[in-house]
Amino acid sequence: MLGAESSPSGPESRKAQQFVRDLSRSLEVANAAVHAEARKEGGPRGMATTATLVGLSERRAYAAQIGDSRAYLVRDGSIIR
């Protein structure tokens, strides 16, 4: 499953919206490459993708993930998934 957390809104955030699309797309491309390799005859069996990416744009953090990896924010003694 692929997800991009927290979609930016507002006219000043077009750059951030493109950034989120690019972040998500990079995971989709990587996932497709891994699956293509795994489907090859004689290819690795049970191969899968799991990744979590976090990028910063316009003073905001955006997370995209695929598989069962997770990102956690640690701030002021609290942990948020």
PDB file of N, CA and C in Angstrom:
ATOM      1  N   MET A   1       0.842  -1.171   0.000  1.00  0.00           N
ATOM      2  CA  MET A   1       0.000   0.000   0.000  1.00  0.00           C
ATOM      3  C   MET A   1       0.887   1.233   0.000  1.00  0.00           C
ATOM      4  N   LEU A   2       0.531   2.181  -0.814  1.00  0.00           N
ATOM      5  CA  LEU A   2       1.298   3.410  -0.913  1.00  0.00           C
ATOM      6  C   LEU A   2       0.466   4.547  -0.361  1.00  0.00           C
ATOM      7  N   GLY A   3       1.088   5.376   0.446  1.00  0.00           N
ATOM      8  CA  GLY A   3       0.365   6.514   0.985  1.00  0.00           C
ATOM      9  C   GLY A   3       1.271   7.713   1.124  1.00  0.00           C
ATOM     10  N   ALA A   4       0.700   8.865   0.917  1.00  0.00           N
ATOM     11  CA  ALA A   4       1.423  10.109   1.176  1.00  0.00           C
ATOM     12  C   ALA A   4       0.645  10.822   2.267  1.00  0.00           C
ATOM     13  N   GLU A   5       1.284  11.086   3.367  1.00  0.00           N
ATOM     14  CA  GLU A   5       0.619  11.679   4.520  1.00  0.00           C
ATOM     15  C   GLU A   5       0.497  13.186   4.349  1.00  0.00           C
ATOM     16  N   SER A   6      -0.635  13.728   4.723  1.00  0.00           N
ATOM     17  CA  SER A   6      -0.858  15.160   4.817  1.00  0.00           C
ATOM     18  C   SER A   6      -0.687  15.871   3.492  1.00  0.00           C
ATOM     19  N   SER A   7      -1.756  15.955   2.728  1.00  0.00           N
ATOM     20  CA  SER A   7      -1.718  16.676   1.460  1.00  0.00           C
ATOM     21  C   SER A   7      -1.734  18.174   1.709  1.00  0.00           C
ATOM     22  N   PRO A   8      -0.805  18.890   1.104  1.00  0.00           N
ATOM     23  CA  PRO A   8      -0.775  20.336   1.289  1.00  0.00           C
ATOM     24  C   PRO A   8      -1.931  21.001   0.560  1.00  0.00           C
ATOM     25  N   SER A   9      -2.389  22.150   1.051  1.00  0.00           N
ATOM     26  CA  SER A   9      -3.457  22.878   0.376  1.00  0.00           C
ATOM     27  C   SER A   9      -3.141  24.358   0.388  1.00  0.00           C
ATOM     28  N   GLY A  10      -3.851  25.088  -0.443  1.00  0.00           N
ATOM     29  CA  GLY A  10      -3.639  26.525  -0.534  1.00  0.00           C
ATOM     30  C   GLY A  10      -2.797  26.877  -1.750  1.00  0.00           C
ATOM     31  N   PRO A  11      -2.968  28.088  -2.256  1.00  0.00           N
ATOM     32  CA  PRO A  11      -2.278  28.487  -3.488  1.00  0.00           C
ATOM     33  C   PRO A  11      -0.756  28.511  -3.363  1.00  0.00           C
ATOM     34  N   GLU A  12      -0.219  28.765  -2.176  1.00  0.00           N
ATOM     35  CA  GLU A  12       1.233  28.836  -2.002  1.00  0.00           C
ATOM     36  C   GLU A  12       1.871  27.461  -1.957  1.00  0.00           C
ATOM     37  N   SER A  13       1.062  26.421  -1.977  1.00  0.00           N
ATOM     38  CA  SER A  13       1.608  25.082  -1.791  1.00  0.00           C
ATOM     39  C   SER A  13       1.691  24.256  -3.075  1.00  0.00           C
ATOM     40  N   ARG A  14       1.590  24.855  -4.239  1.00  0.00           N
ATOM     41  CA  ARG A  14       1.700  24.083  -5.486  1.00  0.00           C
ATOM     42  C   ARG A  14       3.019  23.338  -5.564  1.00  0.00           C
ATOM     43  N   LYS A  15       4.075  23.990  -5.135  1.00  0.00           N
ATOM     44  CA  LYS A  15       5.384  23.350  -5.115  1.00  0.00           C
ATOM     45  C   LYS A  15       5.365  22.135  -4.187  1.00  0.00           C
ATOM     46  N   ALA A  16       4.755  22.284  -3.024  1.00  0.00           N
ATOM     47  CA  ALA A  16       4.668  21.175  -2.076  1.00  0.00           C
ATOM     48  C   ALA A  16       3.794  20.052  -2.633  1.00  0.00           C
ATOM     49  N   GLN A  17       2.708  20.380  -3.315  1.00  0.00           N
ATOM     50  CA  GLN A  17       1.852  19.356  -3.913  1.00  0.00           C
ATOM     51  C   GLN A  17       2.626  18.554  -4.958  1.00  0.00           C
ATOM     52  N   GLN A  18       3.420  19.241  -5.777  1.00  0.00           N
ATOM     53  CA  GLN A  18       4.237  18.538  -6.766  1.00  0.00           C
ATOM     54  C   GLN A  18       5.273  17.666  -6.067  1.00  0.00           C
ATOM     55  N   PHE A  19       5.841  18.175  -4.997  1.00  0.00           N
ATOM     56  CA  PHE A  19       6.817  17.414  -4.220  1.00  0.00           C
ATOM     57  C   PHE A  19       6.201  16.116  -3.701  1.00  0.00           C
ATOM     58  N   VAL A  20       4.986  16.194  -3.169  1.00  0.00           N
ATOM     59  CA  VAL A  20       4.300  15.005  -2.659  1.00  0.00           C
ATOM     60  C   VAL A  20       4.038  14.021  -3.795  1.00  0.00           C
ATOM     61  N   ARG A  21       3.600  14.514  -4.945  1.00  0.00           N
ATOM     62  CA  ARG A  21       3.384  13.628  -6.102  1.00  0.00           C
ATOM     63  C   ARG A  21       4.687  12.952  -6.512  1.00  0.00           C
ATOM     64  N   ASP A  22       5.778  13.710  -6.543  1.00  0.00           N
ATOM     65  CA  ASP A  22       7.083  13.143  -6.919  1.00  0.00           C
ATOM     66  C   ASP A  22       7.551  12.102  -5.904  1.00  0.00           C
ATOM     67  N   LEU A  23       7.347  12.376  -4.640  1.00  0.00           N
ATOM     68  CA  LEU A  23       7.731  11.443  -3.584  1.00  0.00           C
ATOM     69  C   LEU A  23       6.970  10.127  -3.745  1.00  0.00           C
ATOM     70  N   SER A  24       5.667  10.227  -3.945  1.00  0.00           N
ATOM     71  CA  SER A  24       4.841   9.033  -4.135  1.00  0.00           C
ATOM     72  C   SER A  24       5.229   8.290  -5.410  1.00  0.00           C
ATOM     73  N   ARG A  25       5.451   9.040  -6.464  1.00  0.00           N
ATOM     74  CA  ARG A  25       5.809   8.411  -7.750  1.00  0.00           C
ATOM     75  C   ARG A  25       7.132   7.660  -7.652  1.00  0.00           C
ATOM     76  N   SER A  26       8.100   8.191  -6.919  1.00  0.00           N
ATOM     77  CA  SER A  26       9.380   7.508  -6.800  1.00  0.00           C
ATOM     78  C   SER A  26       9.217   6.151  -6.108  1.00  0.00           C
ATOM     79  N   LEU A  27       8.321   6.059  -5.136  1.00  0.00           N
ATOM     80  CA  LEU A  27       8.056   4.767  -4.505  1.00  0.00           C
ATOM     81  C   LEU A  27       7.335   3.824  -5.457  1.00  0.00           C
ATOM     82  N   GLU A  28       6.402   4.344  -6.245  1.00  0.00           N
ATOM     83  CA  GLU A  28       5.695   3.513  -7.215  1.00  0.00           C
ATOM     84  C   GLU A  28       6.666   2.917  -8.228  1.00  0.00           C
ATOM     85  N   VAL A  29       7.610   3.712  -8.711  1.00  0.00           N
ATOM     86  CA  VAL A  29       8.597   3.247  -9.690  1.00  0.00           C
ATOM     87  C   VAL A  29       9.495   2.173  -9.070  1.00  0.00           C
ATOM     88  N   ALA A  30       9.964   2.421  -7.856  1.00  0.00           N
ATOM     89  CA  ALA A  30      10.811   1.434  -7.178  1.00  0.00           C
ATOM     90  C   ALA A  30      10.049   0.139  -6.935  1.00  0.00           C
ATOM     91  N   ASN A  31       8.811   0.233  -6.499  1.00  0.00           N
ATOM     92  CA  ASN A  31       7.991  -0.945  -6.251  1.00  0.00           C
ATOM     93  C   ASN A  31       7.782  -1.746  -7.536  1.00  0.00           C
ATOM     94  N   ALA A  32       7.485  -1.070  -8.631  1.00  0.00           N
ATOM     95  CA  ALA A  32       7.280  -1.750  -9.914  1.00  0.00           C
ATOM     96  C   ALA A  32       8.555  -2.468 -10.360  1.00  0.00           C
ATOM     97  N   ALA A  33       9.710  -1.851 -10.158  1.00  0.00           N
ATOM     98  CA  ALA A  33      10.980  -2.475 -10.543  1.00  0.00           C
ATOM     99  C   ALA A  33      11.240  -3.734  -9.722  1.00  0.00           C
ATOM    100  N   VAL A  34      10.964  -3.681  -8.430  1.00  0.00           N
ATOM    101  CA  VAL A  34      11.167  -4.854  -7.573  1.00  0.00           C
ATOM    102  C   VAL A  34      10.225  -5.978  -7.987  1.00  0.00           C
ATOM    103  N   HIS A  35       8.968  -5.650  -8.229  1.00  0.00           N
ATOM    104  CA  HIS A  35       8.008  -6.674  -8.636  1.00  0.00           C
ATOM    105  C   HIS A  35       8.354  -7.268  -9.995  1.00  0.00           C
ATOM    106  N   ALA A  36       8.817  -6.448 -10.924  1.00  0.00           N
ATOM    107  CA  ALA A  36       9.218  -6.951 -12.243  1.00  0.00           C
ATOM    108  C   ALA A  36      10.377  -7.930 -12.099  1.00  0.00           C
ATOM    109  N   GLU A  37      11.336  -7.615 -11.268  1.00  0.00           N
ATOM    110  CA  GLU A  37      12.480  -8.497 -11.039  1.00  0.00           C
ATOM    111  C   GLU A  37      12.027  -9.815 -10.393  1.00  0.00           C
ATOM    112  N   ALA A  38      11.121  -9.725  -9.455  1.00  0.00           N
ATOM    113  CA  ALA A  38      10.638 -10.923  -8.758  1.00  0.00           C
ATOM    114  C   ALA A  38       9.822 -11.829  -9.676  1.00  0.00           C
ATOM    115  N   ARG A  39       9.171 -11.261 -10.680  1.00  0.00           N
ATOM    116  CA  ARG A  39       8.348 -12.050 -11.605  1.00  0.00           C
ATOM    117  C   ARG A  39       9.166 -12.740 -12.690  1.00  0.00           C
ATOM    118  N   LYS A  40      10.413 -12.358 -12.870  1.00  0.00           N
ATOM    119  CA  LYS A  40      11.243 -12.966 -13.908  1.00  0.00           C
ATOM    120  C   LYS A  40      11.413 -14.456 -13.640  1.00  0.00           C
ATOM    121  N   GLU A  41      11.482 -15.215 -14.731  1.00  0.00           N
ATOM    122  CA  GLU A  41      11.747 -16.653 -14.620  1.00  0.00           C
ATOM    123  C   GLU A  41      13.078 -16.865 -13.912  1.00  0.00           C
ATOM    124  N   GLY A  42      13.059 -17.637 -12.851  1.00  0.00           N
ATOM    125  CA  GLY A  42      14.284 -17.890 -12.095  1.00  0.00           C
ATOM    126  C   GLY A  42      14.677 -16.734 -11.184  1.00  0.00           C
ATOM    127  N   GLY A  43      13.790 -15.741 -11.088  1.00  0.00           N
ATOM    128  CA  GLY A  43      14.066 -14.581 -10.239  1.00  0.00           C
ATOM    129  C   GLY A  43      13.920 -14.934  -8.768  1.00  0.00           C
ATOM    130  N   PRO A  44      14.305 -14.015  -7.914  1.00  0.00           N
ATOM    131  CA  PRO A  44      14.205 -14.264  -6.477  1.00  0.00           C
ATOM    132  C   PRO A  44      12.755 -14.516  -6.057  1.00  0.00           C
ATOM    133  N   ARG A  45      12.536 -15.509  -5.214  1.00  0.00           N
ATOM    134  CA  ARG A  45      11.182 -15.819  -4.750  1.00  0.00           C
ATOM    135  C   ARG A  45      10.920 -15.090  -3.438  1.00  0.00           C
ATOM    136  N   GLY A  46       9.699 -14.620  -3.278  1.00  0.00           N
ATOM    137  CA  GLY A  46       9.318 -13.961  -2.047  1.00  0.00           C
ATOM    138  C   GLY A  46       9.860 -12.536  -1.913  1.00  0.00           C
ATOM    139  N   MET A  47      10.398 -12.012  -3.001  1.00  0.00           N
ATOM    140  CA  MET A  47      10.970 -10.663  -2.978  1.00  0.00           C
ATOM    141  C   MET A  47       9.839  -9.637  -2.879  1.00  0.00           C
ATOM    142  N   ALA A  48      10.005  -8.614  -2.073  1.00  0.00           N
ATOM    143  CA  ALA A  48       8.980  -7.589  -1.894  1.00  0.00           C
ATOM    144  C   ALA A  48       9.641  -6.246  -1.616  1.00  0.00           C
ATOM    145  N   THR A  49       8.837  -5.212  -1.632  1.00  0.00           N
ATOM    146  CA  THR A  49       9.319  -3.861  -1.367  1.00  0.00           C
ATOM    147  C   THR A  49       8.777  -3.375  -0.045  1.00  0.00           C
ATOM    148  N   THR A  50       9.600  -2.772   0.738  1.00  0.00           N
ATOM    149  CA  THR A  50       9.151  -2.058   1.922  1.00  0.00           C
ATOM    150  C   THR A  50      10.060  -0.839   2.067  1.00  0.00           C
ATOM    151  N   ALA A  51       9.447   0.313   2.157  1.00  0.00           N
ATOM    152  CA  ALA A  51      10.239   1.545   2.248  1.00  0.00           C
ATOM    153  C   ALA A  51       9.392   2.650   2.870  1.00  0.00           C
ATOM    154  N   THR A  52      10.062   3.539   3.532  1.00  0.00           N
ATOM    155  CA  THR A  52       9.443   4.754   4.037  1.00  0.00           C
ATOM    156  C   THR A  52      10.348   5.913   3.667  1.00  0.00           C
ATOM    157  N   LEU A  53       9.796   6.889   3.000  1.00  0.00           N
ATOM    158  CA  LEU A  53      10.536   8.089   2.615  1.00  0.00           C
ATOM    159  C   LEU A  53       9.925   9.288   3.321  1.00  0.00           C
ATOM    160  N   VAL A  54      10.766  10.186   3.756  1.00  0.00           N
ATOM    161  CA  VAL A  54      10.308  11.446   4.320  1.00  0.00           C
ATOM    162  C   VAL A  54      11.071  12.545   3.614  1.00  0.00           C
ATOM    163  N   GLY A  55      10.334  13.518   3.120  1.00  0.00           N
ATOM    164  CA  GLY A  55      10.959  14.649   2.450  1.00  0.00           C
ATOM    165  C   GLY A  55      10.454  15.951   3.044  1.00  0.00           C
ATOM    166  N   LEU A  56      11.268  16.966   2.949  1.00  0.00           N
ATOM    167  CA  LEU A  56      10.910  18.285   3.474  1.00  0.00           C
ATOM    168  C   LEU A  56      10.697  19.250   2.323  1.00  0.00           C
ATOM    169  N   SER A  57       9.606  19.993   2.382  1.00  0.00           N
ATOM    170  CA  SER A  57       9.304  21.011   1.381  1.00  0.00           C
ATOM    171  C   SER A  57       8.507  22.113   2.069  1.00  0.00           C
ATOM    172  N   GLU A  58       8.925  23.330   1.855  1.00  0.00           N
ATOM    173  CA  GLU A  58       8.227  24.485   2.424  1.00  0.00           C
ATOM    174  C   GLU A  58       8.000  24.331   3.928  1.00  0.00           C
ATOM    175  N   ARG A  59       9.036  23.911   4.631  1.00  0.00           N
ATOM    176  CA  ARG A  59       9.029  23.785   6.092  1.00  0.00           C
ATOM    177  C   ARG A  59       8.026  22.765   6.620  1.00  0.00           C
ATOM    178  N   ARG A  60       7.647  21.802   5.775  1.00  0.00           N
ATOM    179  CA  ARG A  60       6.757  20.717   6.190  1.00  0.00           C
ATOM    180  C   ARG A  60       7.412  19.398   5.838  1.00  0.00           C
ATOM    181  N   ALA A  61       7.111  18.376   6.611  1.00  0.00           N
ATOM    182  CA  ALA A  61       7.608  17.027   6.330  1.00  0.00           C
ATOM    183  C   ALA A  61       6.469  16.214   5.725  1.00  0.00           C
ATOM    184  N   TYR A  62       6.792  15.461   4.684  1.00  0.00           N
ATOM    185  CA  TYR A  62       5.822  14.596   4.017  1.00  0.00           C
ATOM    186  C   TYR A  62       6.381  13.189   4.004  1.00  0.00           C
ATOM    187  N   ALA A  63       5.544  12.212   4.322  1.00  0.00           N
ATOM    188  CA  ALA A  63       5.971  10.821   4.353  1.00  0.00           C
ATOM    189  C   ALA A  63       5.212  10.034   3.299  1.00  0.00           C
ATOM    190  N   ALA A  64       5.929   9.140   2.638  1.00  0.00           N
ATOM    191  CA  ALA A  64       5.327   8.198   1.689  1.00  0.00           C
ATOM    192  C   ALA A  64       5.848   6.824   2.071  1.00  0.00           C
ATOM    193  N   GLN A  65       4.989   5.838   2.025  1.00  0.00           N
ATOM    194  CA  GLN A  65       5.441   4.505   2.416  1.00  0.00           C
ATOM    195  C   GLN A  65       4.795   3.444   1.555  1.00  0.00           C
ATOM    196  N   ILE A  66       5.480   2.327   1.503  1.00  0.00           N
ATOM    197  CA  ILE A  66       4.973   1.142   0.801  1.00  0.00           C
ATOM    198  C   ILE A  66       5.420  -0.068   1.604  1.00  0.00           C
ATOM    199  N   GLY A  67       4.585  -1.055   1.690  1.00  0.00           N
ATOM    200  CA  GLY A  67       4.909  -2.218   2.503  1.00  0.00           C
ATOM    201  C   GLY A  67       4.576  -1.950   3.957  1.00  0.00           C
ATOM    202  N   ASP A  68       5.269  -2.664   4.850  1.00  0.00           N
ATOM    203  CA  ASP A  68       4.928  -2.536   6.262  1.00  0.00           C
ATOM    204  C   ASP A  68       5.909  -1.676   7.055  1.00  0.00           C
ATOM    205  N   SER A  69       6.725  -0.900   6.375  1.00  0.00           N
ATOM    206  CA  SER A  69       7.596   0.058   7.073  1.00  0.00           C
ATOM    207  C   SER A  69       6.756   1.205   7.594  1.00  0.00           C
ATOM    208  N   ARG A  70       7.228   1.850   8.626  1.00  0.00           N
ATOM    209  CA  ARG A  70       6.513   2.996   9.201  1.00  0.00           C
ATOM    210  C   ARG A  70       7.486   4.104   9.541  1.00  0.00           C
ATOM    211  N   ALA A  71       6.979   5.299   9.538  1.00  0.00           N
ATOM    212  CA  ALA A  71       7.756   6.463   9.965  1.00  0.00           C
ATOM    213  C   ALA A  71       7.211   6.908  11.321  1.00  0.00           C
ATOM    214  N   TYR A  72       8.093   7.371  12.172  1.00  0.00           N
ATOM    215  CA  TYR A  72       7.709   7.865  13.487  1.00  0.00           C
ATOM    216  C   TYR A  72       8.296   9.251  13.686  1.00  0.00           C
ATOM    217  N   LEU A  73       7.509  10.132  14.243  1.00  0.00           N
ATOM    218  CA  LEU A  73       7.966  11.464  14.607  1.00  0.00           C
ATOM    219  C   LEU A  73       8.257  11.457  16.104  1.00  0.00           C
ATOM    220  N   VAL A  74       9.473  11.814  16.450  1.00  0.00           N
ATOM    221  CA  VAL A  74       9.857  11.907  17.862  1.00  0.00           C
ATOM    222  C   VAL A  74      10.103  13.378  18.152  1.00  0.00           C
ATOM    223  N   ARG A  75       9.292  13.916  19.068  1.00  0.00           N
ATOM    224  CA  ARG A  75       9.396  15.340  19.398  1.00  0.00           C
ATOM    225  C   ARG A  75       8.977  15.566  20.836  1.00  0.00           C
ATOM    226  N   ASP A  76       9.779  16.288  21.562  1.00  0.00           N
ATOM    227  CA  ASP A  76       9.450  16.646  22.940  1.00  0.00           C
ATOM    228  C   ASP A  76       9.068  15.444  23.792  1.00  0.00           C
ATOM    229  N   GLY A  77       9.767  14.332  23.642  1.00  0.00           N
ATOM    230  CA  GLY A  77       9.518  13.157  24.448  1.00  0.00           C
ATOM    231  C   GLY A  77       8.327  12.322  24.020  1.00  0.00           C
ATOM    232  N   SER A  78       7.662  12.672  22.906  1.00  0.00           N
ATOM    233  CA  SER A  78       6.513  11.910  22.407  1.00  0.00           C
ATOM    234  C   SER A  78       6.880  11.235  21.093  1.00  0.00           C
ATOM    235  N   ILE A  79       6.263  10.087  20.857  1.00  0.00           N
ATOM    236  CA  ILE A  79       6.453   9.370  19.598  1.00  0.00           C
ATOM    237  C   ILE A  79       5.087   9.267  18.918  1.00  0.00           C
ATOM    238  N   ILE A  80       5.031   9.681  17.652  1.00  0.00           N
ATOM    239  CA  ILE A  80       3.793   9.648  16.869  1.00  0.00           C
ATOM    240  C   ILE A  80       4.063   8.835  15.615  1.00  0.00           C
ATOM    241  N   ARG A  81       3.175   7.890  15.309  1.00  0.00           N
ATOM    242  CA  ARG A  81       3.302   7.094  14.082  1.00  0.00           C
ATOM    243  C   ARG A  81       2.579   7.776  12.966  1.00  0.00           C
TER     244      ARG A  81
END
